[in-house]
């Protein structure tokens, strides 16, 4: 059995340090609080919402189905949907720039982004 030398230990520590730095940067840059929610239906943007303004709206999907979206306290969520599986409703509240809400039957996607 080979024992790790001093150079091997330094190399392993450097690799771990670089990996931690990359992970930390990625986490911080993609987990910042969001500012807007872009709503698209069937690939076309139909509305952009400011998450700092409380509002409610109903989005009509490509096949006529609906999703009821609520924006409150900087978060957005789908409270009701006409789709059979209700996955979009069960996704919960979203507010981070890496979050999305998707309703496949109604072809609706909510993409959370930061203001630049």
PDB file of N, CA and C in Angstrom:
ATOM      1  N   UNK A   1       0.839  -1.173   0.000  1.00  0.00           N
ATOM      2  CA  UNK A   1       0.000   0.000   0.000  1.00  0.00           C
ATOM      3  C   UNK A   1       0.887   1.240   0.000  1.00  0.00           C
ATOM      4  N   UNK A   2       0.585   2.128  -0.927  1.00  0.00           N
ATOM      5  CA  UNK A   2       1.389   3.338  -1.086  1.00  0.00           C
ATOM      6  C   UNK A   2       0.877   4.437  -0.162  1.00  0.00           C
ATOM      7  N   UNK A   3       1.777   5.104   0.511  1.00  0.00           N
ATOM      8  CA  UNK A   3       1.440   6.210   1.395  1.00  0.00           C
ATOM      9  C   UNK A   3       1.520   7.500   0.585  1.00  0.00           C
ATOM     10  N   UNK A   4       0.531   8.375   0.780  1.00  0.00           N
ATOM     11  CA  UNK A   4       0.518   9.635   0.060  1.00  0.00           C
ATOM     12  C   UNK A   4       1.646  10.531   0.549  1.00  0.00           C
ATOM     13  N   UNK A   5       2.312  11.151  -0.415  1.00  0.00           N
ATOM     14  CA  UNK A   5       3.401  12.049  -0.077  1.00  0.00           C
ATOM     15  C   UNK A   5       2.906  13.462   0.156  1.00  0.00           C
ATOM     16  N   UNK A   6       3.824  14.330   0.504  1.00  0.00           N
ATOM     17  CA  UNK A   6       3.501  15.721   0.795  1.00  0.00           C
ATOM     18  C   UNK A   6       2.920  16.420  -0.438  1.00  0.00           C
ATOM     19  N   UNK A   7       3.482  16.148  -1.610  1.00  0.00           N
ATOM     20  CA  UNK A   7       2.994  16.769  -2.840  1.00  0.00           C
ATOM     21  C   UNK A   7       1.578  16.295  -3.172  1.00  0.00           C
ATOM     22  N   UNK A   8       1.322  15.008  -2.942  1.00  0.00           N
ATOM     23  CA  UNK A   8      -0.025  14.486  -3.189  1.00  0.00           C
ATOM     24  C   UNK A   8      -1.056  15.155  -2.283  1.00  0.00           C
ATOM     25  N   UNK A   9      -0.704  15.368  -1.046  1.00  0.00           N
ATOM     26  CA  UNK A   9      -1.607  16.017  -0.089  1.00  0.00           C
ATOM     27  C   UNK A   9      -1.856  17.474  -0.485  1.00  0.00           C
ATOM     28  N   UNK A  10      -0.814  18.177  -0.934  1.00  0.00           N
ATOM     29  CA  UNK A  10      -0.959  19.566  -1.362  1.00  0.00           C
ATOM     30  C   UNK A  10      -1.852  19.638  -2.597  1.00  0.00           C
ATOM     31  N   UNK A  11      -1.658  18.723  -3.543  1.00  0.00           N
ATOM     32  CA  UNK A  11      -2.479  18.682  -4.750  1.00  0.00           C
ATOM     33  C   UNK A  11      -3.942  18.409  -4.399  1.00  0.00           C
ATOM     34  N   UNK A  12      -4.193  17.464  -3.527  1.00  0.00           N
ATOM     35  CA  UNK A  12      -5.568  17.139  -3.122  1.00  0.00           C
ATOM     36  C   UNK A  12      -6.219  18.335  -2.427  1.00  0.00           C
ATOM     37  N   UNK A  13      -5.475  19.003  -1.559  1.00  0.00           N
ATOM     38  CA  UNK A  13      -6.011  20.175  -0.859  1.00  0.00           C
ATOM     39  C   UNK A  13      -6.315  21.300  -1.845  1.00  0.00           C
ATOM     40  N   UNK A  14      -5.448  21.504  -2.832  1.00  0.00           N
ATOM     41  CA  UNK A  14      -5.669  22.557  -3.829  1.00  0.00           C
ATOM     42  C   UNK A  14      -6.916  22.259  -4.661  1.00  0.00           C
ATOM     43  N   UNK A  15      -7.096  21.017  -5.053  1.00  0.00           N
ATOM     44  CA  UNK A  15      -8.270  20.622  -5.832  1.00  0.00           C
ATOM     45  C   UNK A  15      -9.543  20.834  -5.020  1.00  0.00           C
ATOM     46  N   UNK A  16      -9.526  20.444  -3.757  1.00  0.00           N
ATOM     47  CA  UNK A  16     -10.685  20.639  -2.892  1.00  0.00           C
ATOM     48  C   UNK A  16     -10.992  22.124  -2.683  1.00  0.00           C
ATOM     49  N   UNK A  17      -9.968  22.934  -2.539  1.00  0.00           N
ATOM     50  CA  UNK A  17     -10.149  24.371  -2.351  1.00  0.00           C
ATOM     51  C   UNK A  17     -10.754  25.020  -3.597  1.00  0.00           C
ATOM     52  N   UNK A  18     -10.260  24.632  -4.757  1.00  0.00           N
ATOM     53  CA  UNK A  18     -10.798  25.171  -6.011  1.00  0.00           C
ATOM     54  C   UNK A  18     -12.252  24.728  -6.203  1.00  0.00           C
ATOM     55  N   UNK A  19     -12.539  23.465  -5.915  1.00  0.00           N
ATOM     56  CA  UNK A  19     -13.916  22.970  -6.046  1.00  0.00           C
ATOM     57  C   UNK A  19     -14.850  23.712  -5.090  1.00  0.00           C
ATOM     58  N   UNK A  20     -14.414  23.956  -3.868  1.00  0.00           N
ATOM     59  CA  UNK A  20     -15.238  24.687  -2.897  1.00  0.00           C
ATOM     60  C   UNK A  20     -15.473  26.119  -3.353  1.00  0.00           C
ATOM     61  N   UNK A  21     -14.459  26.758  -3.930  1.00  0.00           N
ATOM     62  CA  UNK A  21     -14.601  28.135  -4.410  1.00  0.00           C
ATOM     63  C   UNK A  21     -15.591  28.198  -5.571  1.00  0.00           C
ATOM     64  N   UNK A  22     -15.503  27.267  -6.506  1.00  0.00           N
ATOM     65  CA  UNK A  22     -16.424  27.237  -7.648  1.00  0.00           C
ATOM     66  C   UNK A  22     -17.849  26.983  -7.164  1.00  0.00           C
ATOM     67  N   UNK A  23     -18.013  26.024  -6.259  1.00  0.00           N
ATOM     68  CA  UNK A  23     -19.345  25.742  -5.715  1.00  0.00           C
ATOM     69  C   UNK A  23     -19.900  26.959  -4.989  1.00  0.00           C
ATOM     70  N   UNK A  24     -19.106  27.609  -4.177  1.00  0.00           N
ATOM     71  CA  UNK A  24     -19.547  28.787  -3.433  1.00  0.00           C
ATOM     72  C   UNK A  24     -19.960  29.922  -4.344  1.00  0.00           C
ATOM     73  N   UNK A  25     -19.170  30.192  -5.379  1.00  0.00           N
ATOM     74  CA  UNK A  25     -19.508  31.248  -6.335  1.00  0.00           C
ATOM     75  C   UNK A  25     -20.812  30.920  -7.054  1.00  0.00           C
ATOM     76  N   UNK A  26     -20.956  29.689  -7.496  1.00  0.00           N
ATOM     77  CA  UNK A  26     -22.166  29.257  -8.198  1.00  0.00           C
ATOM     78  C   UNK A  26     -23.384  29.368  -7.281  1.00  0.00           C
ATOM     79  N   UNK A  27     -23.241  28.972  -6.037  1.00  0.00           N
ATOM     80  CA  UNK A  27     -24.343  29.029  -5.082  1.00  0.00           C
ATOM     81  C   UNK A  27     -24.784  30.475  -4.843  1.00  0.00           C
ATOM     82  N   UNK A  28     -23.831  31.349  -4.618  1.00  0.00           N
ATOM     83  CA  UNK A  28     -24.149  32.746  -4.332  1.00  0.00           C
ATOM     84  C   UNK A  28     -24.737  33.442  -5.553  1.00  0.00           C
ATOM     85  N   UNK A  29     -24.189  33.204  -6.724  1.00  0.00           N
ATOM     86  CA  UNK A  29     -24.656  33.912  -7.916  1.00  0.00           C
ATOM     87  C   UNK A  29     -26.018  33.431  -8.394  1.00  0.00           C
ATOM     88  N   UNK A  30     -26.383  32.194  -8.125  1.00  0.00           N
ATOM     89  CA  UNK A  30     -27.663  31.669  -8.595  1.00  0.00           C
ATOM     90  C   UNK A  30     -28.725  31.610  -7.512  1.00  0.00           C
ATOM     91  N   UNK A  31     -28.414  31.947  -6.306  1.00  0.00           N
ATOM     92  CA  UNK A  31     -29.383  31.861  -5.231  1.00  0.00           C
ATOM     93  C   UNK A  31     -29.780  33.231  -4.694  1.00  0.00           C
ATOM     94  N   UNK A  32     -29.479  34.256  -5.425  1.00  0.00           N
ATOM     95  CA  UNK A  32     -29.847  35.604  -4.994  1.00  0.00           C
ATOM     96  C   UNK A  32     -31.352  35.781  -5.121  1.00  0.00           C
ATOM     97  N   UNK A  33     -31.936  36.576  -4.250  1.00  0.00           N
ATOM     98  CA  UNK A  33     -33.374  36.834  -4.382  1.00  0.00           C
ATOM     99  C   UNK A  33     -33.703  37.409  -5.752  1.00  0.00           C
ATOM    100  N   UNK A  34     -34.797  36.972  -6.288  1.00  0.00           N
ATOM    101  CA  UNK A  34     -35.182  37.382  -7.634  1.00  0.00           C
ATOM    102  C   UNK A  34     -35.970  38.679  -7.606  1.00  0.00           C
ATOM    103  N   UNK A  35     -36.107  39.267  -8.746  1.00  0.00           N
ATOM    104  CA  UNK A  35     -36.849  40.522  -8.850  1.00  0.00           C
ATOM    105  C   UNK A  35     -38.035  40.409  -9.799  1.00  0.00           C
ATOM    106  N   UNK A  36     -37.974  39.522 -10.789  1.00  0.00           N
ATOM    107  CA  UNK A  36     -39.062  39.414 -11.754  1.00  0.00           C
ATOM    108  C   UNK A  36     -39.405  37.952 -12.033  1.00  0.00           C
ATOM    109  N   UNK A  37     -40.630  37.759 -12.490  1.00  0.00           N
ATOM    110  CA  UNK A  37     -41.089  36.445 -12.931  1.00  0.00           C
ATOM    111  C   UNK A  37     -41.611  36.601 -14.354  1.00  0.00           C
ATOM    112  N   UNK A  38     -41.027  35.858 -15.261  1.00  0.00           N
ATOM    113  CA  UNK A  38     -41.426  35.914 -16.673  1.00  0.00           C
ATOM    114  C   UNK A  38     -42.341  34.725 -16.949  1.00  0.00           C
ATOM    115  N   UNK A  39     -43.550  34.998 -17.405  1.00  0.00           N
ATOM    116  CA  UNK A  39     -44.539  33.957 -17.643  1.00  0.00           C
ATOM    117  C   UNK A  39     -44.650  33.738 -19.146  1.00  0.00           C
ATOM    118  N   UNK A  40     -44.462  32.491 -19.553  1.00  0.00           N
ATOM    119  CA  UNK A  40     -44.600  32.161 -20.971  1.00  0.00           C
ATOM    120  C   UNK A  40     -45.603  31.027 -21.137  1.00  0.00           C
ATOM    121  N   UNK A  41     -46.324  31.087 -22.244  1.00  0.00           N
ATOM    122  CA  UNK A  41     -47.288  30.057 -22.603  1.00  0.00           C
ATOM    123  C   UNK A  41     -46.942  29.589 -24.011  1.00  0.00           C
ATOM    124  N   UNK A  42     -46.720  28.302 -24.140  1.00  0.00           N
ATOM    125  CA  UNK A  42     -46.376  27.690 -25.424  1.00  0.00           C
ATOM    126  C   UNK A  42     -45.154  28.374 -26.059  1.00  0.00           C
ATOM    127  N   UNK A  43     -44.184  28.750 -25.213  1.00  0.00           N
ATOM    128  CA  UNK A  43     -42.936  29.336 -25.691  1.00  0.00           C
ATOM    129  C   UNK A  43     -42.958  30.837 -25.921  1.00  0.00           C
ATOM    130  N   UNK A  44     -44.104  31.479 -25.725  1.00  0.00           N
ATOM    131  CA  UNK A  44     -44.204  32.927 -25.949  1.00  0.00           C
ATOM    132  C   UNK A  44     -44.412  33.640 -24.612  1.00  0.00           C
ATOM    133  N   UNK A  45     -43.616  34.673 -24.356  1.00  0.00           N
ATOM    134  CA  UNK A  45     -43.753  35.441 -23.124  1.00  0.00           C
ATOM    135  C   UNK A  45     -45.068  36.223 -23.166  1.00  0.00           C
ATOM    136  N   UNK A  46     -45.906  36.002 -22.147  1.00  0.00           N
ATOM    137  CA  UNK A  46     -47.198  36.680 -22.102  1.00  0.00           C
ATOM    138  C   UNK A  46     -47.250  37.763 -21.026  1.00  0.00           C
ATOM    139  N   UNK A  47     -46.355  37.679 -20.053  1.00  0.00           N
ATOM    140  CA  UNK A  47     -46.371  38.677 -18.970  1.00  0.00           C
ATOM    141  C   UNK A  47     -45.077  38.595 -18.182  1.00  0.00           C
ATOM    142  N   UNK A  48     -44.640  39.738 -17.669  1.00  0.00           N
ATOM    143  CA  UNK A  48     -43.507  39.805 -16.748  1.00  0.00           C
ATOM    144  C   UNK A  48     -43.996  40.513 -15.499  1.00  0.00           C
ATOM    145  N   UNK A  49     -43.784  39.868 -14.346  1.00  0.00           N
ATOM    146  CA  UNK A  49     -44.269  40.407 -13.087  1.00  0.00           C
ATOM    147  C   UNK A  49     -43.110  40.853 -12.206  1.00  0.00           C
ATOM    148  N   UNK A  50     -43.308  41.947 -11.502  1.00  0.00           N
ATOM    149  CA  UNK A  50     -42.363  42.424 -10.504  1.00  0.00           C
ATOM    150  C   UNK A  50     -42.717  41.729  -9.192  1.00  0.00           C
ATOM    151  N   UNK A  51     -41.782  40.967  -8.635  1.00  0.00           N
ATOM    152  CA  UNK A  51     -42.071  40.209  -7.420  1.00  0.00           C
ATOM    153  C   UNK A  51     -42.163  41.089  -6.177  1.00  0.00           C
ATOM    154  N   UNK A  52     -41.829  42.358  -6.302  1.00  0.00           N
ATOM    155  CA  UNK A  52     -41.954  43.252  -5.146  1.00  0.00           C
ATOM    156  C   UNK A  52     -43.359  43.840  -5.034  1.00  0.00           C
ATOM    157  N   UNK A  53     -44.214  43.563  -6.035  1.00  0.00           N
ATOM    158  CA  UNK A  53     -45.590  44.071  -6.028  1.00  0.00           C
ATOM    159  C   UNK A  53     -46.565  42.899  -5.915  1.00  0.00           C
ATOM    160  N   UNK A  54     -47.344  42.877  -4.847  1.00  0.00           N
ATOM    161  CA  UNK A  54     -48.315  41.807  -4.634  1.00  0.00           C
ATOM    162  C   UNK A  54     -49.416  41.877  -5.697  1.00  0.00           C
ATOM    163  N   UNK A  55     -49.720  40.734  -6.281  1.00  0.00           N
ATOM    164  CA  UNK A  55     -50.755  40.673  -7.312  1.00  0.00           C
ATOM    165  C   UNK A  55     -51.252  39.238  -7.469  1.00  0.00           C
ATOM    166  N   UNK A  56     -52.370  39.094  -8.128  1.00  0.00           N
ATOM    167  CA  UNK A  56     -52.913  37.785  -8.499  1.00  0.00           C
ATOM    168  C   UNK A  56     -53.353  37.860  -9.952  1.00  0.00           C
ATOM    169  N   UNK A  57     -53.161  36.769 -10.679  1.00  0.00           N
ATOM    170  CA  UNK A  57     -53.636  36.731 -12.055  1.00  0.00           C
ATOM    171  C   UNK A  57     -53.898  35.304 -12.477  1.00  0.00           C
ATOM    172  N   UNK A  58     -54.742  35.174 -13.469  1.00  0.00           N
ATOM    173  CA  UNK A  58     -55.040  33.872 -14.052  1.00  0.00           C
ATOM    174  C   UNK A  58     -54.455  33.835 -15.449  1.00  0.00           C
ATOM    175  N   UNK A  59     -53.637  32.822 -15.702  1.00  0.00           N
ATOM    176  CA  UNK A  59     -52.980  32.655 -17.000  1.00  0.00           C
ATOM    177  C   UNK A  59     -53.725  31.573 -17.757  1.00  0.00           C
ATOM    178  N   UNK A  60     -54.126  31.875 -18.985  1.00  0.00           N
ATOM    179  CA  UNK A  60     -54.793  30.894 -19.834  1.00  0.00           C
ATOM    180  C   UNK A  60     -53.744  30.168 -20.658  1.00  0.00           C
ATOM    181  N   UNK A  61     -53.715  28.847 -20.524  1.00  0.00           N
ATOM    182  CA  UNK A  61     -52.726  28.023 -21.212  1.00  0.00           C
ATOM    183  C   UNK A  61     -53.050  27.810 -22.670  1.00  0.00           C
ATOM    184  N   UNK A  62     -52.165  27.096 -23.367  1.00  0.00           N
ATOM    185  CA  UNK A  62     -52.285  26.883 -24.809  1.00  0.00           C
ATOM    186  C   UNK A  62     -53.552  26.114 -25.185  1.00  0.00           C
ATOM    187  N   UNK A  63     -53.968  25.169 -24.345  1.00  0.00           N
ATOM    188  CA  UNK A  63     -55.156  24.387 -24.659  1.00  0.00           C
ATOM    189  C   UNK A  63     -56.411  24.904 -24.001  1.00  0.00           C
ATOM    190  N   UNK A  64     -56.351  26.103 -23.421  1.00  0.00           N
ATOM    191  CA  UNK A  64     -57.513  26.682 -22.766  1.00  0.00           C
ATOM    192  C   UNK A  64     -57.546  26.461 -21.261  1.00  0.00           C
ATOM    193  N   UNK A  65     -56.624  25.650 -20.736  1.00  0.00           N
ATOM    194  CA  UNK A  65     -56.546  25.441 -19.293  1.00  0.00           C
ATOM    195  C   UNK A  65     -56.031  26.691 -18.593  1.00  0.00           C
ATOM    196  N   UNK A  66     -56.221  26.752 -17.286  1.00  0.00           N
ATOM    197  CA  UNK A  66     -55.822  27.950 -16.551  1.00  0.00           C
ATOM    198  C   UNK A  66     -54.934  27.628 -15.357  1.00  0.00           C
ATOM    199  N   UNK A  67     -54.110  28.610 -14.998  1.00  0.00           N
ATOM    200  CA  UNK A  67     -53.275  28.573 -13.803  1.00  0.00           C
ATOM    201  C   UNK A  67     -53.474  29.888 -13.063  1.00  0.00           C
ATOM    202  N   UNK A  68     -53.780  29.809 -11.787  1.00  0.00           N
ATOM    203  CA  UNK A  68     -53.951  31.011 -10.964  1.00  0.00           C
ATOM    204  C   UNK A  68     -52.649  31.250 -10.208  1.00  0.00           C
ATOM    205  N   UNK A  69     -51.979  32.374 -10.508  1.00  0.00           N
ATOM    206  CA  UNK A  69     -50.697  32.710  -9.889  1.00  0.00           C
ATOM    207  C   UNK A  69     -50.889  33.817  -8.862  1.00  0.00           C
ATOM    208  N   UNK A  70     -50.153  33.702  -7.766  1.00  0.00           N
ATOM    209  CA  UNK A  70     -50.182  34.711  -6.709  1.00  0.00           C
ATOM    210  C   UNK A  70     -48.760  35.199  -6.463  1.00  0.00           C
ATOM    211  N   UNK A  71     -48.597  36.519  -6.400  1.00  0.00           N
ATOM    212  CA  UNK A  71     -47.329  37.144  -6.017  1.00  0.00           C
ATOM    213  C   UNK A  71     -47.579  37.862  -4.703  1.00  0.00           C
ATOM    214  N   UNK A  72     -46.816  37.486  -3.684  1.00  0.00           N
ATOM    215  CA  UNK A  72     -46.967  38.128  -2.381  1.00  0.00           C
ATOM    216  C   UNK A  72     -45.651  38.030  -1.621  1.00  0.00           C
ATOM    217  N   UNK A  73     -45.247  39.141  -1.030  1.00  0.00           N
ATOM    218  CA  UNK A  73     -44.034  39.210  -0.198  1.00  0.00           C
ATOM    219  C   UNK A  73     -42.790  38.706  -0.936  1.00  0.00           C
ATOM    220  N   UNK A  74     -42.684  39.018  -2.236  1.00  0.00           N
ATOM    221  CA  UNK A  74     -41.506  38.648  -3.013  1.00  0.00           C
ATOM    222  C   UNK A  74     -41.474  37.213  -3.490  1.00  0.00           C
ATOM    223  N   UNK A  75     -42.568  36.489  -3.331  1.00  0.00           N
ATOM    224  CA  UNK A  75     -42.645  35.097  -3.767  1.00  0.00           C
ATOM    225  C   UNK A  75     -43.793  34.929  -4.756  1.00  0.00           C
ATOM    226  N   UNK A  76     -43.685  33.897  -5.586  1.00  0.00           N
ATOM    227  CA  UNK A  76     -44.754  33.585  -6.538  1.00  0.00           C
ATOM    228  C   UNK A  76     -45.068  32.101  -6.431  1.00  0.00           C
ATOM    229  N   UNK A  77     -46.351  31.770  -6.577  1.00  0.00           N
ATOM    230  CA  UNK A  77     -46.754  30.377  -6.579  1.00  0.00           C
ATOM    231  C   UNK A  77     -48.052  30.216  -7.349  1.00  0.00           C
ATOM    232  N   UNK A  78     -48.295  28.987  -7.737  1.00  0.00           N
ATOM    233  CA  UNK A  78     -49.516  28.623  -8.451  1.00  0.00           C
ATOM    234  C   UNK A  78     -50.481  28.060  -7.409  1.00  0.00           C
ATOM    235  N   UNK A  79     -51.583  28.771  -7.160  1.00  0.00           N
ATOM    236  CA  UNK A  79     -52.515  28.335  -6.114  1.00  0.00           C
ATOM    237  C   UNK A  79     -53.576  27.366  -6.640  1.00  0.00           C
ATOM    238  N   UNK A  80     -53.928  27.510  -7.915  1.00  0.00           N
ATOM    239  CA  UNK A  80     -54.936  26.638  -8.523  1.00  0.00           C
ATOM    240  C   UNK A  80     -54.566  26.397  -9.979  1.00  0.00           C
ATOM    241  N   UNK A  81     -54.964  25.230 -10.484  1.00  0.00           N
ATOM    242  CA  UNK A  81     -54.717  24.910 -11.894  1.00  0.00           C
ATOM    243  C   UNK A  81     -55.789  23.957 -12.397  1.00  0.00           C
ATOM    244  N   UNK A  82     -56.084  24.073 -13.677  1.00  0.00           N
ATOM    245  CA  UNK A  82     -57.095  23.202 -14.276  1.00  0.00           C
ATOM    246  C   UNK A  82     -56.512  21.871 -14.750  1.00  0.00           C
ATOM    247  N   UNK A  83     -55.204  21.725 -14.690  1.00  0.00           N
ATOM    248  CA  UNK A  83     -54.565  20.487 -15.159  1.00  0.00           C
ATOM    249  C   UNK A  83     -54.889  19.324 -14.216  1.00  0.00           C
ATOM    250  N   UNK A  84     -54.856  18.095 -14.717  1.00  0.00           N
ATOM    251  CA  UNK A  84     -55.272  16.953 -13.893  1.00  0.00           C
ATOM    252  C   UNK A  84     -54.289  16.581 -12.773  1.00  0.00           C
ATOM    253  N   UNK A  85     -52.998  16.776 -12.973  1.00  0.00           N
ATOM    254  CA  UNK A  85     -52.026  16.303 -11.979  1.00  0.00           C
ATOM    255  C   UNK A  85     -51.657  17.327 -10.904  1.00  0.00           C
ATOM    256  N   UNK A  86     -51.867  18.603 -11.161  1.00  0.00           N
ATOM    257  CA  UNK A  86     -51.607  19.697 -10.217  1.00  0.00           C
ATOM    258  C   UNK A  86     -50.153  19.756  -9.724  1.00  0.00           C
ATOM    259  N   UNK A  87     -49.210  19.308 -10.541  1.00  0.00           N
ATOM    260  CA  UNK A  87     -47.795  19.367 -10.161  1.00  0.00           C
ATOM    261  C   UNK A  87     -47.368  20.814  -9.939  1.00  0.00           C
ATOM    262  N   UNK A  88     -47.861  21.720 -10.764  1.00  0.00           N
ATOM    263  CA  UNK A  88     -47.508  23.137 -10.635  1.00  0.00           C
ATOM    264  C   UNK A  88     -47.958  23.708  -9.292  1.00  0.00           C
ATOM    265  N   UNK A  89     -49.086  23.257  -8.791  1.00  0.00           N
ATOM    266  CA  UNK A  89     -49.594  23.722  -7.501  1.00  0.00           C
ATOM    267  C   UNK A  89     -48.722  23.194  -6.365  1.00  0.00           C
ATOM    268  N   UNK A  90     -48.273  21.953  -6.493  1.00  0.00           N
ATOM    269  CA  UNK A  90     -47.484  21.312  -5.442  1.00  0.00           C
ATOM    270  C   UNK A  90     -46.019  21.758  -5.436  1.00  0.00           C
ATOM    271  N   UNK A  91     -45.599  22.545  -6.428  1.00  0.00           N
ATOM    272  CA  UNK A  91     -44.213  23.017  -6.464  1.00  0.00           C
ATOM    273  C   UNK A  91     -43.932  24.053  -5.385  1.00  0.00           C
ATOM    274  N   UNK A  92     -44.952  24.682  -4.849  1.00  0.00           N
ATOM    275  CA  UNK A  92     -44.785  25.621  -3.742  1.00  0.00           C
ATOM    276  C   UNK A  92     -44.344  27.004  -4.173  1.00  0.00           C
ATOM    277  N   UNK A  93     -43.947  27.786  -3.166  1.00  0.00           N
ATOM    278  CA  UNK A  93     -43.561  29.177  -3.386  1.00  0.00           C
ATOM    279  C   UNK A  93     -42.144  29.267  -3.919  1.00  0.00           C
ATOM    280  N   UNK A  94     -41.950  30.180  -4.859  1.00  0.00           N
ATOM    281  CA  UNK A  94     -40.645  30.371  -5.495  1.00  0.00           C
ATOM    282  C   UNK A  94     -40.229  31.828  -5.373  1.00  0.00           C
ATOM    283  N   UNK A  95     -38.915  32.046  -5.156  1.00  0.00           N
ATOM    284  CA  UNK A  95     -38.425  33.425  -5.073  1.00  0.00           C
ATOM    285  C   UNK A  95     -36.960  33.576  -5.457  1.00  0.00           C
ATOM    286  N   UNK A  96     -36.278  32.485  -5.711  1.00  0.00           N
ATOM    287  CA  UNK A  96     -34.861  32.559  -6.045  1.00  0.00           C
ATOM    288  C   UNK A  96     -34.651  32.584  -7.550  1.00  0.00           C
ATOM    289  N   UNK A  97     -33.534  33.186  -7.968  1.00  0.00           N
ATOM    290  CA  UNK A  97     -33.286  33.375  -9.399  1.00  0.00           C
ATOM    291  C   UNK A  97     -33.071  32.075 -10.159  1.00  0.00           C
ATOM    292  N   UNK A  98     -32.941  30.977  -9.465  1.00  0.00           N
ATOM    293  CA  UNK A  98     -32.774  29.697 -10.157  1.00  0.00           C
ATOM    294  C   UNK A  98     -34.076  28.887 -10.181  1.00  0.00           C
ATOM    295  N   UNK A  99     -35.172  29.446  -9.686  1.00  0.00           N
ATOM    296  CA  UNK A  99     -36.448  28.734  -9.583  1.00  0.00           C
ATOM    297  C   UNK A  99     -37.298  28.838 -10.841  1.00  0.00           C
ATOM    298  N   UNK A 100     -38.121  27.814 -11.050  1.00  0.00           N
ATOM    299  CA  UNK A 100     -39.119  27.830 -12.122  1.00  0.00           C
ATOM    300  C   UNK A 100     -40.387  27.131 -11.633  1.00  0.00           C
ATOM    301  N   UNK A 101     -41.485  27.485 -12.237  1.00  0.00           N
ATOM    302  CA  UNK A 101     -42.752  26.788 -12.047  1.00  0.00           C
ATOM    303  C   UNK A 101     -43.184  26.323 -13.431  1.00  0.00           C
ATOM    304  N   UNK A 102     -43.518  25.037 -13.557  1.00  0.00           N
ATOM    305  CA  UNK A 102     -43.859  24.481 -14.867  1.00  0.00           C
ATOM    306  C   UNK A 102     -45.195  23.748 -14.784  1.00  0.00           C
ATOM    307  N   UNK A 103     -46.061  24.025 -15.746  1.00  0.00           N
ATOM    308  CA  UNK A 103     -47.304  23.277 -15.917  1.00  0.00           C
ATOM    309  C   UNK A 103     -47.301  22.741 -17.347  1.00  0.00           C
ATOM    310  N   UNK A 104     -46.941  21.488 -17.510  1.00  0.00           N
ATOM    311  CA  UNK A 104     -46.837  20.905 -18.857  1.00  0.00           C
ATOM    312  C   UNK A 104     -48.184  20.807 -19.581  1.00  0.00           C
ATOM    313  N   UNK A 105     -49.269  20.368 -18.909  1.00  0.00           N
ATOM    314  CA  UNK A 105     -50.539  20.282 -19.646  1.00  0.00           C
ATOM    315  C   UNK A 105     -50.999  21.626 -20.204  1.00  0.00           C
ATOM    316  N   UNK A 106     -50.776  22.711 -19.473  1.00  0.00           N
ATOM    317  CA  UNK A 106     -51.193  24.038 -19.936  1.00  0.00           C
ATOM    318  C   UNK A 106     -50.084  24.776 -20.681  1.00  0.00           C
ATOM    319  N   UNK A 107     -48.917  24.156 -20.810  1.00  0.00           N
ATOM    320  CA  UNK A 107     -47.760  24.716 -21.509  1.00  0.00           C
ATOM    321  C   UNK A 107     -47.360  26.082 -20.950  1.00  0.00           C
ATOM    322  N   UNK A 108     -47.411  26.202 -19.615  1.00  0.00           N
ATOM    323  CA  UNK A 108     -47.045  27.444 -18.952  1.00  0.00           C
ATOM    324  C   UNK A 108     -45.752  27.243 -18.173  1.00  0.00           C
ATOM    325  N   UNK A 109     -44.851  28.218 -18.300  1.00  0.00           N
ATOM    326  CA  UNK A 109     -43.589  28.207 -17.552  1.00  0.00           C
ATOM    327  C   UNK A 109     -43.392  29.580 -16.926  1.00  0.00           C
ATOM    328  N   UNK A 110     -43.091  29.592 -15.633  1.00  0.00           N
ATOM    329  CA  UNK A 110     -42.746  30.816 -14.924  1.00  0.00           C
ATOM    330  C   UNK A 110     -41.255  30.739 -14.628  1.00  0.00           C
ATOM    331  N   UNK A 111     -40.493  31.677 -15.143  1.00  0.00           N
ATOM    332  CA  UNK A 111     -39.042  31.711 -14.945  1.00  0.00           C
ATOM    333  C   UNK A 111     -38.706  32.888 -14.037  1.00  0.00           C
ATOM    334  N   UNK A 112     -38.047  32.613 -12.939  1.00  0.00           N
ATOM    335  CA  UNK A 112     -37.675  33.649 -11.974  1.00  0.00           C
ATOM    336  C   UNK A 112     -36.296  34.178 -12.358  1.00  0.00           C
ATOM    337  N   UNK A 113     -36.180  35.504 -12.456  1.00  0.00           N
ATOM    338  CA  UNK A 113     -34.900  36.118 -12.840  1.00  0.00           C
ATOM    339  C   UNK A 113     -34.614  37.332 -11.968  1.00  0.00           C
ATOM    340  N   UNK A 114     -33.360  37.737 -11.972  1.00  0.00           N
ATOM    341  CA  UNK A 114     -32.947  38.954 -11.273  1.00  0.00           C
ATOM    342  C   UNK A 114     -32.983  40.112 -12.247  1.00  0.00           C
ATOM    343  N   UNK A 115     -33.221  41.305 -11.717  1.00  0.00           N
ATOM    344  CA  UNK A 115     -33.089  42.503 -12.556  1.00  0.00           C
ATOM    345  C   UNK A 115     -31.600  42.791 -12.693  1.00  0.00           C
ATOM    346  N   UNK A 116     -31.188  43.126 -13.889  1.00  0.00           N
ATOM    347  CA  UNK A 116     -29.770  43.431 -14.133  1.00  0.00           C
ATOM    348  C   UNK A 116     -29.509  44.889 -13.982  1.00  0.00           C
TER     349      UNK A 116
END
